[in-house]
Amino acid sequence: MLNEKDKKYLREFGENLKTIRTAKNLTQQNLADILEVEISQVSRIERGKINTSVINIKKIAVALEIDAGELFKF
């Protein structure tokens, strides 16, 4: 079970992902299609509801054409 600090971190990560995604003019569905996942998974990541894997973070960074570290700058 995650503590409040970890939950906050996941929410901040998700908010940052959403900011970057929208700046790239991608919808959640666009990103989900690129990642070959369900849109609900992208939504849950952006809302901080799931702790996504390192591999998914790498795939997200590639899809957004950014360095993975950018996803952690919040």
PDB file of N, CA and C in Angstrom:
ATOM      1  N   MET A   1       0.848  -1.191   0.000  1.00  0.00           N
ATOM      2  CA  MET A   1       0.000   0.000   0.000  1.00  0.00           C
ATOM      3  C   MET A   1       0.886   1.244   0.000  1.00  0.00           C
ATOM      4  N   LEU A   2       0.512   2.208  -0.795  1.00  0.00           N
ATOM      5  CA  LEU A   2       1.300   3.426  -0.917  1.00  0.00           C
ATOM      6  C   LEU A   2       0.953   4.416   0.184  1.00  0.00           C
ATOM      7  N   ASN A   3       1.982   5.110   0.664  1.00  0.00           N
ATOM      8  CA  ASN A   3       1.727   6.164   1.637  1.00  0.00           C
ATOM      9  C   ASN A   3       1.327   7.443   0.899  1.00  0.00           C
ATOM     10  N   GLU A   4       0.937   8.460   1.633  1.00  0.00           N
ATOM     11  CA  GLU A   4       0.444   9.697   1.024  1.00  0.00           C
ATOM     12  C   GLU A   4       1.517  10.389   0.185  1.00  0.00           C
ATOM     13  N   LYS A   5       2.753  10.338   0.623  1.00  0.00           N
ATOM     14  CA  LYS A   5       3.842  10.958  -0.134  1.00  0.00           C
ATOM     15  C   LYS A   5       4.007  10.282  -1.497  1.00  0.00           C
ATOM     16  N   ASP A   6       3.938   8.960  -1.518  1.00  0.00           N
ATOM     17  CA  ASP A   6       4.044   8.221  -2.777  1.00  0.00           C
ATOM     18  C   ASP A   6       2.851   8.500  -3.688  1.00  0.00           C
ATOM     19  N   LYS A   7       1.664   8.575  -3.114  1.00  0.00           N
ATOM     20  CA  LYS A   7       0.466   8.882  -3.894  1.00  0.00           C
ATOM     21  C   LYS A   7       0.584  10.266  -4.532  1.00  0.00           C
ATOM     22  N   LYS A   8       1.104  11.218  -3.766  1.00  0.00           N
ATOM     23  CA  LYS A   8       1.300  12.575  -4.282  1.00  0.00           C
ATOM     24  C   LYS A   8       2.295  12.550  -5.434  1.00  0.00           C
ATOM     25  N   TYR A   9       3.354  11.781  -5.298  1.00  0.00           N
ATOM     26  CA  TYR A   9       4.370  11.674  -6.347  1.00  0.00           C
ATOM     27  C   TYR A   9       3.757  11.121  -7.635  1.00  0.00           C
ATOM     28  N   LEU A  10       2.927  10.091  -7.517  1.00  0.00           N
ATOM     29  CA  LEU A  10       2.265   9.522  -8.695  1.00  0.00           C
ATOM     30  C   LEU A  10       1.334  10.533  -9.351  1.00  0.00           C
ATOM     31  N   ARG A  11       0.621  11.316  -8.538  1.00  0.00           N
ATOM     32  CA  ARG A  11      -0.265  12.347  -9.091  1.00  0.00           C
ATOM     33  C   ARG A  11       0.547  13.409  -9.833  1.00  0.00           C
ATOM     34  N   GLU A  12       1.669  13.824  -9.247  1.00  0.00           N
ATOM     35  CA  GLU A  12       2.510  14.842  -9.878  1.00  0.00           C
ATOM     36  C   GLU A  12       3.113  14.308 -11.182  1.00  0.00           C
ATOM     37  N   PHE A  13       3.538  13.052 -11.176  1.00  0.00           N
ATOM     38  CA  PHE A  13       4.054  12.431 -12.390  1.00  0.00           C
ATOM     39  C   PHE A  13       2.974  12.451 -13.466  1.00  0.00           C
ATOM     40  N   GLY A  14       1.771  12.047 -13.099  1.00  0.00           N
ATOM     41  CA  GLY A  14       0.660  11.998 -14.045  1.00  0.00           C
ATOM     42  C   GLY A  14       0.290  13.360 -14.583  1.00  0.00           C
ATOM     43  N   GLU A  15       0.280  14.357 -13.718  1.00  0.00           N
ATOM     44  CA  GLU A  15      -0.025  15.715 -14.161  1.00  0.00           C
ATOM     45  C   GLU A  15       1.034  16.206 -15.138  1.00  0.00           C
ATOM     46  N   ASN A  16       2.295  15.893 -14.865  1.00  0.00           N
ATOM     47  CA  ASN A  16       3.378  16.283 -15.761  1.00  0.00           C
ATOM     48  C   ASN A  16       3.251  15.572 -17.104  1.00  0.00           C
ATOM     49  N   LEU A  17       2.939  14.290 -17.068  1.00  0.00           N
ATOM     50  CA  LEU A  17       2.723  13.533 -18.303  1.00  0.00           C
ATOM     51  C   LEU A  17       1.608  14.185 -19.122  1.00  0.00           C
ATOM     52  N   LYS A  18       0.510  14.522 -18.481  1.00  0.00           N
ATOM     53  CA  LYS A  18      -0.609  15.144 -19.182  1.00  0.00           C
ATOM     54  C   LYS A  18      -0.196  16.475 -19.801  1.00  0.00           C
ATOM     55  N   THR A  19       0.556  17.272 -19.064  1.00  0.00           N
ATOM     56  CA  THR A  19       1.028  18.565 -19.572  1.00  0.00           C
ATOM     57  C   THR A  19       1.879  18.379 -20.824  1.00  0.00           C
ATOM     58  N   ILE A  20       2.804  17.433 -20.769  1.00  0.00           N
ATOM     59  CA  ILE A  20       3.678  17.175 -21.916  1.00  0.00           C
ATOM     60  C   ILE A  20       2.864  16.624 -23.081  1.00  0.00           C
ATOM     61  N   ARG A  21       1.980  15.677 -22.793  1.00  0.00           N
ATOM     62  CA  ARG A  21       1.166  15.062 -23.849  1.00  0.00           C
ATOM     63  C   ARG A  21       0.323  16.110 -24.566  1.00  0.00           C
ATOM     64  N   THR A  22      -0.334  16.968 -23.810  1.00  0.00           N
ATOM     65  CA  THR A  22      -1.192  17.969 -24.435  1.00  0.00           C
ATOM     66  C   THR A  22      -0.369  19.014 -25.193  1.00  0.00           C
ATOM     67  N   ALA A  23       0.825  19.329 -24.707  1.00  0.00           N
ATOM     68  CA  ALA A  23       1.709  20.256 -25.421  1.00  0.00           C
ATOM     69  C   ALA A  23       2.137  19.682 -26.771  1.00  0.00           C
ATOM     70  N   LYS A  24       2.161  18.366 -26.858  1.00  0.00           N
ATOM     71  CA  LYS A  24       2.501  17.682 -28.108  1.00  0.00           C
ATOM     72  C   LYS A  24       1.256  17.436 -28.973  1.00  0.00           C
ATOM     73  N   ASN A  25       0.122  17.985 -28.545  1.00  0.00           N
ATOM     74  CA  ASN A  25      -1.156  17.855 -29.260  1.00  0.00           C
ATOM     75  C   ASN A  25      -1.577  16.398 -29.458  1.00  0.00           C
ATOM     76  N   LEU A  26      -1.347  15.599 -28.435  1.00  0.00           N
ATOM     77  CA  LEU A  26      -1.785  14.202 -28.461  1.00  0.00           C
ATOM     78  C   LEU A  26      -2.938  14.021 -27.482  1.00  0.00           C
ATOM     79  N   THR A  27      -3.918  13.243 -27.871  1.00  0.00           N
ATOM     80  CA  THR A  27      -4.994  12.874 -26.955  1.00  0.00           C
ATOM     81  C   THR A  27      -4.549  11.641 -26.167  1.00  0.00           C
ATOM     82  N   GLN A  28      -5.298  11.330 -25.139  1.00  0.00           N
ATOM     83  CA  GLN A  28      -5.018  10.077 -24.418  1.00  0.00           C
ATOM     84  C   GLN A  28      -5.140   8.896 -25.368  1.00  0.00           C
ATOM     85  N   GLN A  29      -6.128   8.945 -26.259  1.00  0.00           N
ATOM     86  CA  GLN A  29      -6.306   7.851 -27.205  1.00  0.00           C
ATOM     87  C   GLN A  29      -5.118   7.744 -28.152  1.00  0.00           C
ATOM     88  N   ASN A  30      -4.610   8.885 -28.633  1.00  0.00           N
ATOM     89  CA  ASN A  30      -3.421   8.859 -29.499  1.00  0.00           C
ATOM     90  C   ASN A  30      -2.265   8.165 -28.799  1.00  0.00           C
ATOM     91  N   LEU A  31      -2.016   8.570 -27.550  1.00  0.00           N
ATOM     92  CA  LEU A  31      -0.902   7.990 -26.794  1.00  0.00           C
ATOM     93  C   LEU A  31      -1.140   6.509 -26.533  1.00  0.00           C
ATOM     94  N   ALA A  32      -2.339   6.155 -26.173  1.00  0.00           N
ATOM     95  CA  ALA A  32      -2.666   4.749 -25.929  1.00  0.00           C
ATOM     96  C   ALA A  32      -2.424   3.912 -27.178  1.00  0.00           C
ATOM     97  N   ASP A  33      -2.812   4.436 -28.335  1.00  0.00           N
ATOM     98  CA  ASP A  33      -2.600   3.717 -29.589  1.00  0.00           C
ATOM     99  C   ASP A  33      -1.113   3.505 -29.863  1.00  0.00           C
ATOM    100  N   ILE A  34      -0.313   4.543 -29.647  1.00  0.00           N
ATOM    101  CA  ILE A  34       1.134   4.437 -29.860  1.00  0.00           C
ATOM    102  C   ILE A  34       1.740   3.404 -28.910  1.00  0.00           C
ATOM    103  N   LEU A  35       1.286   3.424 -27.663  1.00  0.00           N
ATOM    104  CA  LEU A  35       1.827   2.519 -26.637  1.00  0.00           C
ATOM    105  C   LEU A  35       1.243   1.112 -26.726  1.00  0.00           C
ATOM    106  N   GLU A  36       0.183   0.970 -27.516  1.00  0.00           N
ATOM    107  CA  GLU A  36      -0.542  -0.294 -27.635  1.00  0.00           C
ATOM    108  C   GLU A  36      -1.096  -0.757 -26.290  1.00  0.00           C
ATOM    109  N   VAL A  37      -1.749   0.204 -25.610  1.00  0.00           N
ATOM    110  CA  VAL A  37      -2.432  -0.076 -24.342  1.00  0.00           C
ATOM    111  C   VAL A  37      -3.838   0.508 -24.437  1.00  0.00           C
ATOM    112  N   GLU A  38      -4.661   0.173 -23.474  1.00  0.00           N
ATOM    113  CA  GLU A  38      -6.003   0.729 -23.408  1.00  0.00           C
ATOM    114  C   GLU A  38      -5.938   2.190 -22.958  1.00  0.00           C
ATOM    115  N   ILE A  39      -6.863   2.993 -23.438  1.00  0.00           N
ATOM    116  CA  ILE A  39      -6.918   4.400 -23.038  1.00  0.00           C
ATOM    117  C   ILE A  39      -7.076   4.523 -21.519  1.00  0.00           C
ATOM    118  N   SER A  40      -7.762   3.571 -20.919  1.00  0.00           N
ATOM    119  CA  SER A  40      -7.960   3.613 -19.467  1.00  0.00           C
ATOM    120  C   SER A  40      -6.633   3.544 -18.718  1.00  0.00           C
ATOM    121  N   GLN A  41      -5.646   2.858 -19.289  1.00  0.00           N
ATOM    122  CA  GLN A  41      -4.336   2.787 -18.634  1.00  0.00           C
ATOM    123  C   GLN A  41      -3.658   4.152 -18.660  1.00  0.00           C
ATOM    124  N   VAL A  42      -3.721   4.839 -19.783  1.00  0.00           N
ATOM    125  CA  VAL A  42      -3.148   6.185 -19.867  1.00  0.00           C
ATOM    126  C   VAL A  42      -3.865   7.110 -18.885  1.00  0.00           C
ATOM    127  N   SER A  43      -5.165   7.008 -18.831  1.00  0.00           N
ATOM    128  CA  SER A  43      -5.952   7.824 -17.910  1.00  0.00           C
ATOM    129  C   SER A  43      -5.555   7.566 -16.457  1.00  0.00           C
ATOM    130  N   ARG A  44      -5.404   6.315 -16.089  1.00  0.00           N
ATOM    131  CA  ARG A  44      -5.042   5.981 -14.708  1.00  0.00           C
ATOM    132  C   ARG A  44      -3.636   6.482 -14.370  1.00  0.00           C
ATOM    133  N   ILE A  45      -2.714   6.426 -15.325  1.00  0.00           N
ATOM    134  CA  ILE A  45      -1.366   6.945 -15.082  1.00  0.00           C
ATOM    135  C   ILE A  45      -1.446   8.455 -14.855  1.00  0.00           C
ATOM    136  N   GLU A  46      -2.175   9.143 -15.713  1.00  0.00           N
ATOM    137  CA  GLU A  46      -2.273  10.592 -15.598  1.00  0.00           C
ATOM    138  C   GLU A  46      -2.978  11.038 -14.324  1.00  0.00           C
ATOM    139  N   ARG A  47      -3.870  10.230 -13.817  1.00  0.00           N
ATOM    140  CA  ARG A  47      -4.574  10.573 -12.571  1.00  0.00           C
ATOM    141  C   ARG A  47      -3.830  10.082 -11.332  1.00  0.00           C
ATOM    142  N   GLY A  48      -2.694   9.435 -11.537  1.00  0.00           N
ATOM    143  CA  GLY A  48      -1.913   8.949 -10.406  1.00  0.00           C
ATOM    144  C   GLY A  48      -2.525   7.753  -9.724  1.00  0.00           C
ATOM    145  N   LYS A  49      -3.330   6.996 -10.451  1.00  0.00           N
ATOM    146  CA  LYS A  49      -4.023   5.846  -9.868  1.00  0.00           C
ATOM    147  C   LYS A  49      -3.221   4.555  -9.949  1.00  0.00           C
ATOM    148  N   ILE A  50      -2.237   4.506 -10.867  1.00  0.00           N
ATOM    149  CA  ILE A  50      -1.399   3.311 -10.965  1.00  0.00           C
ATOM    150  C   ILE A  50       0.070   3.712 -11.016  1.00  0.00           C
ATOM    151  N   ASN A  51       0.889   2.806 -10.555  1.00  0.00           N
ATOM    152  CA  ASN A  51       2.335   2.972 -10.572  1.00  0.00           C
ATOM    153  C   ASN A  51       2.845   2.207 -11.785  1.00  0.00           C
ATOM    154  N   THR A  52       3.059   2.914 -12.868  1.00  0.00           N
ATOM    155  CA  THR A  52       3.417   2.265 -14.123  1.00  0.00           C
ATOM    156  C   THR A  52       4.855   1.739 -14.095  1.00  0.00           C
ATOM    157  N   SER A  53       5.157   0.839 -14.997  1.00  0.00           N
ATOM    158  CA  SER A  53       6.477   0.198 -15.028  1.00  0.00           C
ATOM    159  C   SER A  53       7.526   1.078 -15.685  1.00  0.00           C
ATOM    160  N   VAL A  54       8.761   0.756 -15.434  1.00  0.00           N
ATOM    161  CA  VAL A  54       9.887   1.440 -16.057  1.00  0.00           C
ATOM    162  C   VAL A  54       9.813   1.297 -17.576  1.00  0.00           C
ATOM    163  N   ILE A  55       9.446   0.127 -18.045  1.00  0.00           N
ATOM    164  CA  ILE A  55       9.326  -0.100 -19.489  1.00  0.00           C
ATOM    165  C   ILE A  55       8.263   0.809 -20.083  1.00  0.00           C
ATOM    166  N   ASN A  56       7.131   0.961 -19.409  1.00  0.00           N
ATOM    167  CA  ASN A  56       6.094   1.858 -19.908  1.00  0.00           C
ATOM    168  C   ASN A  56       6.567   3.310 -19.914  1.00  0.00           C
ATOM    169  N   ILE A  57       7.339   3.694 -18.916  1.00  0.00           N
ATOM    170  CA  ILE A  57       7.882   5.052 -18.880  1.00  0.00           C
ATOM    171  C   ILE A  57       8.803   5.270 -20.076  1.00  0.00           C
ATOM    172  N   LYS A  58       9.618   4.289 -20.389  1.00  0.00           N
ATOM    173  CA  LYS A  58      10.499   4.372 -21.564  1.00  0.00           C
ATOM    174  C   LYS A  58       9.663   4.511 -22.832  1.00  0.00           C
ATOM    175  N   LYS A  59       8.611   3.700 -22.960  1.00  0.00           N
ATOM    176  CA  LYS A  59       7.746   3.755 -24.143  1.00  0.00           C
ATOM    177  C   LYS A  59       7.043   5.104 -24.252  1.00  0.00           C
ATOM    178  N   ILE A  60       6.598   5.641 -23.127  1.00  0.00           N
ATOM    179  CA  ILE A  60       5.937   6.946 -23.112  1.00  0.00           C
ATOM    180  C   ILE A  60       6.916   8.020 -23.593  1.00  0.00           C
ATOM    181  N   ALA A  61       8.141   7.992 -23.078  1.00  0.00           N
ATOM    182  CA  ALA A  61       9.142   8.980 -23.477  1.00  0.00           C
ATOM    183  C   ALA A  61       9.427   8.902 -24.974  1.00  0.00           C
ATOM    184  N   VAL A  62       9.558   7.696 -25.498  1.00  0.00           N
ATOM    185  CA  VAL A  62       9.798   7.526 -26.937  1.00  0.00           C
ATOM    186  C   VAL A  62       8.607   8.079 -27.727  1.00  0.00           C
ATOM    187  N   ALA A  63       7.403   7.756 -27.285  1.00  0.00           N
ATOM    188  CA  ALA A  63       6.197   8.212 -27.988  1.00  0.00           C
ATOM    189  C   ALA A  63       6.097   9.738 -27.988  1.00  0.00           C
ATOM    190  N   LEU A  64       6.523  10.358 -26.889  1.00  0.00           N
ATOM    191  CA  LEU A  64       6.445  11.813 -26.774  1.00  0.00           C
ATOM    192  C   LEU A  64       7.693  12.506 -27.319  1.00  0.00           C
ATOM    193  N   GLU A  65       8.667  11.699 -27.752  1.00  0.00           N
ATOM    194  CA  GLU A  65       9.927  12.202 -28.290  1.00  0.00           C
ATOM    195  C   GLU A  65      10.648  13.104 -27.293  1.00  0.00           C
ATOM    196  N   ILE A  66      10.763  12.599 -26.053  1.00  0.00           N
ATOM    197  CA  ILE A  66      11.459  13.324 -24.991  1.00  0.00           C
ATOM    198  C   ILE A  66      12.375  12.351 -24.267  1.00  0.00           C
ATOM    199  N   ASP A  67      13.280  12.892 -23.483  1.00  0.00           N
ATOM    200  CA  ASP A  67      14.089  12.087 -22.589  1.00  0.00           C
ATOM    201  C   ASP A  67      13.203  11.657 -21.415  1.00  0.00           C
ATOM    202  N   ALA A  68      13.322  10.425 -20.989  1.00  0.00           N
ATOM    203  CA  ALA A  68      12.474   9.920 -19.904  1.00  0.00           C
ATOM    204  C   ALA A  68      12.570  10.788 -18.649  1.00  0.00           C
ATOM    205  N   GLY A  69      13.717  11.395 -18.427  1.00  0.00           N
ATOM    206  CA  GLY A  69      13.885  12.254 -17.263  1.00  0.00           C
ATOM    207  C   GLY A  69      12.933  13.430 -17.234  1.00  0.00           C
ATOM    208  N   GLU A  70      12.481  13.873 -18.414  1.00  0.00           N
ATOM    209  CA  GLU A  70      11.540  14.989 -18.483  1.00  0.00           C
ATOM    210  C   GLU A  70      10.228  14.665 -17.772  1.00  0.00           C
ATOM    211  N   LEU A  71       9.877  13.403 -17.741  1.00  0.00           N
ATOM    212  CA  LEU A  71       8.630  12.998 -17.089  1.00  0.00           C
ATOM    213  C   LEU A  71       8.701  13.161 -15.571  1.00  0.00           C
ATOM    214  N   PHE A  72       9.911  13.284 -15.049  1.00  0.00           N
ATOM    215  CA  PHE A  72      10.097  13.394 -13.596  1.00  0.00           C
ATOM    216  C   PHE A  72      10.425  14.815 -13.159  1.00  0.00           C
ATOM    217  N   LYS A  73      10.354  15.770 -14.064  1.00  0.00           N
ATOM    218  CA  LYS A  73      10.654  17.163 -13.730  1.00  0.00           C
ATOM    219  C   LYS A  73       9.363  17.890 -13.389  1.00  0.00           C
ATOM    220  N   PHE A  74       9.024  17.830 -12.105  1.00  0.00           N
ATOM    221  CA  PHE A  74       7.823  18.530 -11.628  1.00  0.00           C
ATOM    222  C   PHE A  74       8.066  19.066 -10.250  1.00  0.00           C
TER     223      PHE A  74
END
